[in-house]
PDB file of N, CA and C in Angstrom:
ATOM      1  N   MET A   1     -78.885  92.778 103.709  1.00  0.00           N
ATOM      2  CA  MET A   1     -78.297  93.933 102.886  1.00  0.00           C
ATOM      3  C   MET A   1     -78.159  93.811 101.610  1.00  0.00           C
ATOM      4  N   LYS A   2     -78.478  94.819 100.689  1.00  0.00           N
ATOM      5  CA  LYS A   2     -78.137  94.853  99.324  1.00  0.00           C
ATOM      6  C   LYS A   2     -76.735  95.051  98.709  1.00  0.00           C
ATOM      7  N   THR A   3     -76.241  94.592  98.056  1.00  0.00           N
ATOM      8  CA  THR A   3     -74.744  94.887  97.344  1.00  0.00           C
ATOM      9  C   THR A   3     -75.454  95.669  96.240  1.00  0.00           C
ATOM     10  N   HIS A   4     -74.295  96.541  95.771  1.00  0.00           N
ATOM     11  CA  HIS A   4     -74.454  97.549  94.744  1.00  0.00           C
ATOM     12  C   HIS A   4     -73.733  96.949  93.653  1.00  0.00           C
ATOM     13  N   ASN A   5     -73.185  95.901  93.693  1.00  0.00           N
ATOM     14  CA  ASN A   5     -72.299  94.877  92.896  1.00  0.00           C
ATOM     15  C   ASN A   5     -72.627  94.820  91.224  1.00  0.00           C
ATOM     16  N   GLN A   6     -73.141  96.194  90.614  1.00  0.00           N
ATOM     17  CA  GLN A   6     -73.644  95.936  89.173  1.00  0.00           C
ATOM     18  C   GLN A   6     -72.664  96.035  88.216  1.00  0.00           C
ATOM     19  N   PRO A   7     -72.573  94.787  87.367  1.00  0.00           N
ATOM     20  CA  PRO A   7     -71.878  94.956  86.375  1.00  0.00           C
ATOM     21  C   PRO A   7     -71.672  96.175  85.026  1.00  0.00           C
ATOM     22  N   GLY A   8     -72.679  96.573  84.924  1.00  0.00           N
ATOM     23  CA  GLY A   8     -72.661  97.642  84.039  1.00  0.00           C
ATOM     24  C   GLY A   8     -72.192  98.930  84.360  1.00  0.00           C
ATOM     25  N   LEU A   9     -72.203  99.111  85.757  1.00  0.00           N
ATOM     26  CA  LEU A   9     -71.546 100.518  86.561  1.00  0.00           C
ATOM     27  C   LEU A   9     -70.110  99.926  86.496  1.00  0.00           C
ATOM     28  N   VAL A  10     -69.562  98.926  86.924  1.00  0.00           N
ATOM     29  CA  VAL A  10     -68.189  98.511  86.607  1.00  0.00           C
ATOM     30  C   VAL A  10     -67.808  98.808  85.197  1.00  0.00           C
ATOM     31  N   ILE A  11     -68.271  98.259  84.179  1.00  0.00           N
ATOM     32  CA  ILE A  11     -68.325  98.605  82.693  1.00  0.00           C
ATOM     33  C   ILE A  11     -68.057 100.033  82.617  1.00  0.00           C
ATOM     34  N   LEU A  12     -68.702 100.679  82.628  1.00  0.00           N
ATOM     35  CA  LEU A  12     -69.179 102.135  82.602  1.00  0.00           C
ATOM     36  C   LEU A  12     -67.739 103.074  83.024  1.00  0.00           C
ATOM     37  N   ALA A  13     -67.580 102.753  84.446  1.00  0.00           N
ATOM     38  CA  ALA A  13     -66.233 103.309  85.180  1.00  0.00           C
ATOM     39  C   ALA A  13     -64.928 102.923  84.404  1.00  0.00           C
ATOM     40  N   VAL A  14     -64.662 101.760  84.102  1.00  0.00           N
ATOM     41  CA  VAL A  14     -63.679 101.470  83.250  1.00  0.00           C
ATOM     42  C   VAL A  14     -63.699 102.114  82.054  1.00  0.00           C
ATOM     43  N   LEU A  15     -64.636 102.292  81.134  1.00  0.00           N
ATOM     44  CA  LEU A  15     -64.731 103.060  80.027  1.00  0.00           C
ATOM     45  C   LEU A  15     -64.507 104.580  80.422  1.00  0.00           C
ATOM     46  N   LEU A  16     -64.908 105.174  81.216  1.00  0.00           N
ATOM     47  CA  LEU A  16     -64.726 106.376  81.658  1.00  0.00           C
ATOM     48  C   LEU A  16     -62.911 106.918  81.680  1.00  0.00           C
ATOM     49  N   VAL A  17     -62.719 105.506  82.523  1.00  0.00           N
ATOM     50  CA  VAL A  17     -60.979 105.914  82.891  1.00  0.00           C
ATOM     51  C   VAL A  17     -60.222 105.622  81.555  1.00  0.00           C
ATOM     52  N   VAL A  18     -60.703 104.789  80.648  1.00  0.00           N
ATOM     53  CA  VAL A  18     -59.953 104.863  79.673  1.00  0.00           C
ATOM     54  C   VAL A  18     -59.996 106.246  78.629  1.00  0.00           C
ATOM     55  N   LEU A  19     -61.406 106.713  78.497  1.00  0.00           N
ATOM     56  CA  LEU A  19     -61.474 107.418  78.034  1.00  0.00           C
ATOM     57  C   LEU A  19     -60.717 109.179  78.188  1.00  0.00           C
ATOM     58  N   LEU A  20     -60.900 108.948  79.432  1.00  0.00           N
ATOM     59  CA  LEU A  20     -60.171 109.923  80.189  1.00  0.00           C
ATOM     60  C   LEU A  20     -58.578 109.895  80.037  1.00  0.00           C
ATOM     61  N   ALA A  21     -57.980 108.543  80.464  1.00  0.00           N
ATOM     62  CA  ALA A  21     -56.400 108.520  79.845  1.00  0.00           C
ATOM     63  C   ALA A  21     -56.464 108.667  78.307  1.00  0.00           C
ATOM     64  N   GLY A  22     -57.037 108.603  77.642  1.00  0.00           N
ATOM     65  CA  GLY A  22     -57.008 108.674  76.062  1.00  0.00           C
ATOM     66  C   GLY A  22     -56.673 110.300  75.448  1.00  0.00           C
ATOM     67  N   CYS A  23     -57.791 111.055  76.642  1.00  0.00           N
ATOM     68  CA  CYS A  23     -57.564 112.479  76.416  1.00  0.00           C
ATOM     69  C   CYS A  23     -56.572 113.188  77.102  1.00  0.00           C
ATOM     70  N   ALA A  24     -55.910 112.274  77.781  1.00  0.00           N
ATOM     71  CA  ALA A  24     -54.638 113.087  78.523  1.00  0.00           C
ATOM     72  C   ALA A  24     -53.302 113.220  77.609  1.00  0.00           C
ATOM     73  N   SER A  25     -53.219 112.130  76.550  1.00  0.00           N
ATOM     74  CA  SER A  25     -51.866 112.134  75.724  1.00  0.00           C
ATOM     75  C   SER A  25     -52.121 112.986  75.100  1.00  0.00           C
ATOM     76  N   VAL A  26     -51.048 113.376  74.535  1.00  0.00           N
ATOM     77  CA  VAL A  26     -50.826 114.290  73.454  1.00  0.00           C
ATOM     78  C   VAL A  26     -50.639 113.646  72.173  1.00  0.00           C
ATOM     79  N   PRO A  27     -51.280 114.240  71.128  1.00  0.00           N
ATOM     80  CA  PRO A  27     -51.412 113.286  69.813  1.00  0.00           C
ATOM     81  C   PRO A  27     -50.028 113.853  68.990  1.00  0.00           C
ATOM     82  N   PRO A  28     -49.925 112.700  68.409  1.00  0.00           N
ATOM     83  CA  PRO A  28     -48.449 112.539  67.792  1.00  0.00           C
ATOM     84  C   PRO A  28     -48.532 114.086  66.640  1.00  0.00           C
ATOM     85  N   ALA A  29     -47.171 114.543  66.739  1.00  0.00           N
ATOM     86  CA  ALA A  29     -46.727 115.785  66.037  1.00  0.00           C
ATOM     87  C   ALA A  29     -46.859 115.368  64.498  1.00  0.00           C
ATOM     88  N   PRO A  30     -46.893 115.680  63.255  1.00  0.00           N
ATOM     89  CA  PRO A  30     -46.494 115.370  62.228  1.00  0.00           C
ATOM     90  C   PRO A  30     -44.990 115.500  61.769  1.00  0.00           C
ATOM     91  N   VAL A  31     -44.766 114.661  61.244  1.00  0.00           N
ATOM     92  CA  VAL A  31     -43.361 114.469  60.690  1.00  0.00           C
ATOM     93  C   VAL A  31     -42.814 114.782  59.322  1.00  0.00           C
ATOM     94  N   HIS A  32     -41.675 115.442  58.866  1.00  0.00           N
ATOM     95  CA  HIS A  32     -41.601 115.542  57.785  1.00  0.00           C
ATOM     96  C   HIS A  32     -40.275 114.785  57.167  1.00  0.00           C
ATOM     97  N   VAL A  33     -40.609 114.018  56.404  1.00  0.00           N
ATOM     98  CA  VAL A  33     -39.641 112.867  55.978  1.00  0.00           C
ATOM     99  C   VAL A  33     -39.077 113.264  54.635  1.00  0.00           C
ATOM    100  N   GLU A  34     -37.670 113.805  53.918  1.00  0.00           N
ATOM    101  CA  GLU A  34     -37.215 113.830  52.917  1.00  0.00           C
ATOM    102  C   GLU A  34     -36.489 112.810  52.527  1.00  0.00           C
ATOM    103  N   VAL A  35     -37.308 112.215  51.339  1.00  0.00           N
ATOM    104  CA  VAL A  35     -36.626 111.025  50.743  1.00  0.00           C
ATOM    105  C   VAL A  35     -35.747 110.912  49.479  1.00  0.00           C
ATOM    106  N   PRO A  36     -34.520 110.572  49.583  1.00  0.00           N
ATOM    107  CA  PRO A  36     -33.643 111.759  48.179  1.00  0.00           C
ATOM    108  C   PRO A  36     -34.029 110.649  47.190  1.00  0.00           C
ATOM    109  N   VAL A  37     -34.412 111.353  45.898  1.00  0.00           N
ATOM    110  CA  VAL A  37     -34.761 110.262  44.739  1.00  0.00           C
ATOM    111  C   VAL A  37     -33.987 110.608  43.721  1.00  0.00           C
ATOM    112  N   VAL A  38     -33.457 109.523  42.849  1.00  0.00           N
ATOM    113  CA  VAL A  38     -32.721 109.305  41.978  1.00  0.00           C
ATOM    114  C   VAL A  38     -32.730 109.776  40.510  1.00  0.00           C
ATOM    115  N   VAL A  39     -32.255 111.039  40.376  1.00  0.00           N
ATOM    116  CA  VAL A  39     -32.495 111.820  39.261  1.00  0.00           C
ATOM    117  C   VAL A  39     -31.142 111.930  38.020  1.00  0.00           C
ATOM    118  N   PRO A  40     -31.178 112.113  37.088  1.00  0.00           N
ATOM    119  CA  PRO A  40     -29.777 112.303  35.998  1.00  0.00           C
ATOM    120  C   PRO A  40     -29.237 113.403  36.375  1.00  0.00           C
ATOM    121  N   CYS A  41     -28.367 113.833  36.954  1.00  0.00           N
ATOM    122  CA  CYS A  41     -27.102 115.043  36.952  1.00  0.00           C
ATOM    123  C   CYS A  41     -26.930 115.613  35.594  1.00  0.00           C
ATOM    124  N   ILE A  42     -26.521 114.605  34.644  1.00  0.00           N
ATOM    125  CA  ILE A  42     -25.926 115.492  33.336  1.00  0.00           C
ATOM    126  C   ILE A  42     -27.139 115.600  32.137  1.00  0.00           C
ATOM    127  N   GLY A  43     -27.431 116.504  32.047  1.00  0.00           N
ATOM    128  CA  GLY A  43     -28.177 117.243  30.978  1.00  0.00           C
ATOM    129  C   GLY A  43     -27.963 116.887  29.691  1.00  0.00           C
ATOM    130  N   GLU A  44     -27.031 117.639  29.179  1.00  0.00           N
ATOM    131  CA  GLU A  44     -25.985 118.154  28.478  1.00  0.00           C
ATOM    132  C   GLU A  44     -24.778 117.844  28.071  1.00  0.00           C
ATOM    133  N   VAL A  45     -23.799 116.794  27.474  1.00  0.00           N
ATOM    134  CA  VAL A  45     -22.669 116.851  27.549  1.00  0.00           C
ATOM    135  C   VAL A  45     -21.680 117.405  26.537  1.00  0.00           C
ATOM    136  N   PRO A  46     -21.151 118.608  26.790  1.00  0.00           N
ATOM    137  CA  PRO A  46     -20.872 119.332  25.027  1.00  0.00           C
ATOM    138  C   PRO A  46     -19.785 118.644  24.751  1.00  0.00           C
ATOM    139  N   GLN A  47     -19.825 118.771  23.413  1.00  0.00           N
ATOM    140  CA  GLN A  47     -18.974 117.938  22.080  1.00  0.00           C
ATOM    141  C   GLN A  47     -17.601 118.463  22.466  1.00  0.00           C
ATOM    142  N   ARG A  48     -17.041 117.409  22.264  1.00  0.00           N
ATOM    143  CA  ARG A  48     -15.371 117.587  22.486  1.00  0.00           C
ATOM    144  C   ARG A  48     -14.882 118.682  21.436  1.00  0.00           C
ATOM    145  N   PRO A  49     -14.233 119.874  21.762  1.00  0.00           N
ATOM    146  CA  PRO A  49     -13.686 120.685  20.522  1.00  0.00           C
ATOM    147  C   PRO A  49     -12.631 119.843  19.540  1.00  0.00           C
ATOM    148  N   VAL A  50     -12.571 119.975  18.304  1.00  0.00           N
ATOM    149  CA  VAL A  50     -11.267 119.387  17.569  1.00  0.00           C
ATOM    150  C   VAL A  50     -10.344 119.987  17.629  1.00  0.00           C
ATOM    151  N   TYR A  51      -9.048 119.643  18.233  1.00  0.00           N
ATOM    152  CA  TYR A  51      -7.960 120.219  18.596  1.00  0.00           C
ATOM    153  C   TYR A  51      -6.768 120.472  17.417  1.00  0.00           C
ATOM    154  N   GLU A  52      -6.104 121.540  16.871  1.00  0.00           N
ATOM    155  CA  GLU A  52      -5.260 121.298  15.981  1.00  0.00           C
ATOM    156  C   GLU A  52      -4.269 120.563  16.008  1.00  0.00           C
ATOM    157  N   PHE A  53      -3.914 120.344  17.037  1.00  0.00           N
ATOM    158  CA  PHE A  53      -2.464 119.292  17.631  1.00  0.00           C
ATOM    159  C   PHE A  53      -2.998 117.792  17.356  1.00  0.00           C
ATOM    160  N   ASP A  54      -4.220 117.268  16.910  1.00  0.00           N
ATOM    161  CA  ASP A  54      -4.443 115.878  16.883  1.00  0.00           C
ATOM    162  C   ASP A  54      -4.505 115.915  15.082  1.00  0.00           C
ATOM    163  N   GLN A  55      -4.363 116.511  14.607  1.00  0.00           N
ATOM    164  CA  GLN A  55      -4.528 116.838  12.973  1.00  0.00           C
ATOM    165  C   GLN A  55      -3.084 116.611  12.507  1.00  0.00           C
ATOM    166  N   LEU A  56      -1.989 116.958  13.378  1.00  0.00           N
ATOM    167  CA  LEU A  56      -1.098 117.443  13.139  1.00  0.00           C
ATOM    168  C   LEU A  56      -0.248 116.044  12.245  1.00  0.00           C
ATOM    169  N   PRO A  57       0.594 115.818  11.733  1.00  0.00           N
ATOM    170  CA  PRO A  57       1.174 114.503  11.022  1.00  0.00           C
ATOM    171  C   PRO A  57       2.191 114.507  12.287  1.00  0.00           C
ATOM    172  N   ALA A  58       2.523 112.785  12.073  1.00  0.00           N
ATOM    173  CA  ALA A  58       3.795 112.611  13.150  1.00  0.00           C
ATOM    174  C   ALA A  58       4.945 113.145  12.664  1.00  0.00           C
ATOM    175  N   SER A  59       5.200 113.573  11.704  1.00  0.00           N
ATOM    176  CA  SER A  59       6.607 114.429  11.176  1.00  0.00           C
ATOM    177  C   SER A  59       6.099 116.069  11.060  1.00  0.00           C
ATOM    178  N   ALA A  60       5.799 116.410  12.228  1.00  0.00           N
ATOM    179  CA  ALA A  60       5.711 117.891  12.393  1.00  0.00           C
ATOM    180  C   ALA A  60       6.949 118.451  13.290  1.00  0.00           C
ATOM    181  N   ALA A  61       7.315 119.642  12.871  1.00  0.00           N
ATOM    182  CA  ALA A  61       8.183 119.712  13.380  1.00  0.00           C
ATOM    183  C   ALA A  61       8.201 120.537  14.910  1.00  0.00           C
ATOM    184  N   ASP A  62       8.942 120.753  15.664  1.00  0.00           N
ATOM    185  CA  ASP A  62       8.863 121.183  17.021  1.00  0.00           C
ATOM    186  C   ASP A  62       8.031 122.389  16.710  1.00  0.00           C
ATOM    187  N   GLY A  63       8.421 123.607  16.062  1.00  0.00           N
ATOM    188  CA  GLY A  63       7.912 124.816  16.181  1.00  0.00           C
ATOM    189  C   GLY A  63       6.267 124.678  15.665  1.00  0.00           C
ATOM    190  N   GLU A  64       6.207 123.896  14.941  1.00  0.00           N
ATOM    191  CA  GLU A  64       4.757 123.473  14.264  1.00  0.00           C
ATOM    192  C   GLU A  64       3.770 122.935  15.834  1.00  0.00           C
ATOM    193  N   ILE A  65       4.256 121.830  16.130  1.00  0.00           N
ATOM    194  CA  ILE A  65       3.865 121.320  17.173  1.00  0.00           C
ATOM    195  C   ILE A  65       3.553 122.242  18.633  1.00  0.00           C
ATOM    196  N   ILE A  66       4.626 123.137  18.777  1.00  0.00           N
ATOM    197  CA  ILE A  66       4.320 124.272  20.128  1.00  0.00           C
ATOM    198  C   ILE A  66       3.018 124.962  20.020  1.00  0.00           C
ATOM    199  N   LEU A  67       3.497 125.424  18.465  1.00  0.00           N
ATOM    200  CA  LEU A  67       2.322 126.640  18.038  1.00  0.00           C
ATOM    201  C   LEU A  67       0.665 126.073  17.930  1.00  0.00           C
ATOM    202  N   ALA A  68       0.371 124.658  17.522  1.00  0.00           N
ATOM    203  CA  ALA A  68      -0.846 124.017  17.731  1.00  0.00           C
ATOM    204  C   ALA A  68      -1.218 123.952  19.064  1.00  0.00           C
ATOM    205  N   LEU A  69      -0.408 123.521  19.946  1.00  0.00           N
ATOM    206  CA  LEU A  69      -0.767 123.311  21.058  1.00  0.00           C
ATOM    207  C   LEU A  69      -0.815 124.956  22.115  1.00  0.00           C
ATOM    208  N   ALA A  70       0.098 125.915  21.782  1.00  0.00           N
ATOM    209  CA  ALA A  70      -0.525 127.182  21.585  1.00  0.00           C
ATOM    210  C   ALA A  70      -2.148 127.629  21.461  1.00  0.00           C
ATOM    211  N   ARG A  71      -2.467 127.063  20.090  1.00  0.00           N
ATOM    212  CA  ARG A  71      -3.464 127.717  19.601  1.00  0.00           C
ATOM    213  C   ARG A  71      -4.723 127.107  20.096  1.00  0.00           C
ATOM    214  N   ASP A  72      -4.547 125.487  20.932  1.00  0.00           N
ATOM    215  CA  ASP A  72      -5.341 124.814  21.230  1.00  0.00           C
ATOM    216  C   ASP A  72      -5.572 125.007  22.584  1.00  0.00           C
ATOM    217  N   TRP A  73      -4.843 125.844  23.400  1.00  0.00           N
ATOM    218  CA  TRP A  73      -5.043 126.411  25.023  1.00  0.00           C
ATOM    219  C   TRP A  73      -6.127 126.736  25.142  1.00  0.00           C
ATOM    220  N   THR A  74      -6.422 127.637  24.300  1.00  0.00           N
ATOM    221  CA  THR A  74      -8.105 128.470  24.806  1.00  0.00           C
ATOM    222  C   THR A  74      -9.088 127.848  24.682  1.00  0.00           C
ATOM    223  N   ARG A  75      -9.052 127.028  23.375  1.00  0.00           N
ATOM    224  CA  ARG A  75     -10.270 126.056  23.046  1.00  0.00           C
ATOM    225  C   ARG A  75     -10.454 125.008  24.225  1.00  0.00           C
ATOM    226  N   GLY A  76      -9.023 124.423  24.675  1.00  0.00           N
ATOM    227  CA  GLY A  76      -9.043 123.511  25.458  1.00  0.00           C
ATOM    228  C   GLY A  76      -9.645 124.200  27.267  1.00  0.00           C
ATOM    229  N   ARG A  77      -9.202 124.950  27.432  1.00  0.00           N
ATOM    230  CA  ARG A  77      -9.781 125.891  28.560  1.00  0.00           C
ATOM    231  C   ARG A  77     -11.159 126.286  28.730  1.00  0.00           C
ATOM    232  N   ALA A  78     -11.687 126.493  27.667  1.00  0.00           N
ATOM    233  CA  ALA A  78     -13.207 126.558  27.508  1.00  0.00           C
ATOM    234  C   ALA A  78     -14.137 125.519  27.489  1.00  0.00           C
ATOM    235  N   TYR A  79     -13.573 124.437  27.029  1.00  0.00           N
ATOM    236  CA  TYR A  79     -14.499 123.024  27.143  1.00  0.00           C
ATOM    237  C   TYR A  79     -14.006 122.299  28.588  1.00  0.00           C
ATOM    238  N   GLU A  80     -12.976 122.850  28.812  1.00  0.00           N
ATOM    239  CA  GLU A  80     -12.970 122.091  30.678  1.00  0.00           C
ATOM    240  C   GLU A  80     -13.848 123.297  31.193  1.00  0.00           C
ATOM    241  N   GLY A  81     -13.786 124.355  30.791  1.00  0.00           N
ATOM    242  CA  GLY A  81     -14.946 125.106  31.723  1.00  0.00           C
ATOM    243  C   GLY A  81     -16.384 124.548  31.713  1.00  0.00           C
ATOM    244  N   VAL A  82     -16.648 124.722  30.719  1.00  0.00           N
ATOM    245  CA  VAL A  82     -18.058 123.589  30.328  1.00  0.00           C
ATOM    246  C   VAL A  82     -18.649 122.649  31.308  1.00  0.00           C
ATOM    247  N   LEU A  83     -17.340 121.866  30.951  1.00  0.00           N
ATOM    248  CA  LEU A  83     -17.445 120.051  31.775  1.00  0.00           C
ATOM    249  C   LEU A  83     -17.615 120.186  33.022  1.00  0.00           C
ATOM    250  N   GLU A  84     -16.314 121.232  33.670  1.00  0.00           N
ATOM    251  CA  GLU A  84     -16.479 121.496  35.315  1.00  0.00           C
ATOM    252  C   GLU A  84     -18.393 122.210  35.919  1.00  0.00           C
ATOM    253  N   ALA A  85     -18.744 122.857  34.765  1.00  0.00           N
ATOM    254  CA  ALA A  85     -20.272 123.131  34.939  1.00  0.00           C
ATOM    255  C   ALA A  85     -21.150 122.566  35.275  1.00  0.00           C
ATOM    256  N   VAL A  86     -21.315 121.017  34.255  1.00  0.00           N
ATOM    257  CA  VAL A  86     -21.777 120.059  33.798  1.00  0.00           C
ATOM    258  C   VAL A  86     -21.453 119.105  35.213  1.00  0.00           C
ATOM    259  N   VAL A  87     -20.162 118.699  35.925  1.00  0.00           N
ATOM    260  CA  VAL A  87     -20.045 118.034  36.923  1.00  0.00           C
ATOM    261  C   VAL A  87     -20.241 118.860  37.972  1.00  0.00           C
ATOM    262  N   ALA A  88     -20.302 120.100  38.120  1.00  0.00           N
ATOM    263  CA  ALA A  88     -20.979 120.678  39.435  1.00  0.00           C
ATOM    264  C   ALA A  88     -22.559 120.736  39.478  1.00  0.00           C
ATOM    265  N   GLY A  89     -23.362 120.559  38.622  1.00  0.00           N
ATOM    266  CA  GLY A  89     -24.765 120.013  38.235  1.00  0.00           C
ATOM    267  C   GLY A  89     -24.937 118.776  39.151  1.00  0.00           C
ATOM    268  N   CYS A  90     -24.151 117.780  39.599  1.00  0.00           N
ATOM    269  CA  CYS A  90     -24.658 116.484  39.970  1.00  0.00           C
ATOM    270  C   CYS A  90     -23.989 116.658  41.651  1.00  0.00           C
ATOM    271  N   ARG A  91     -23.902 117.660  41.885  1.00  0.00           N
ATOM    272  CA  ARG A  91     -23.438 117.632  43.301  1.00  0.00           C
ATOM    273  C   ARG A  91     -24.621 117.868  43.985  1.00  0.00           C
TER     274      ARG A  91
END
């Protein structure tokens, strides 16, 4: 009686099974990864305005101080708005 135990046939069968198993799996889908990068958020810092109040002498009268503060208020609000815009760019 002749046996058909051939090593080449066994290797071919194993190779065929491995190839078919590889075709059955789904290839991995591409993954999009976002990596945060450190960048400077502040481009240009606005120059601080010259306030009239800062130039008053220590002996200035109360009325002069109040008038200087009132005149400086609009300058201060404008400067504050520019600073807020610069800081908002960092978010």
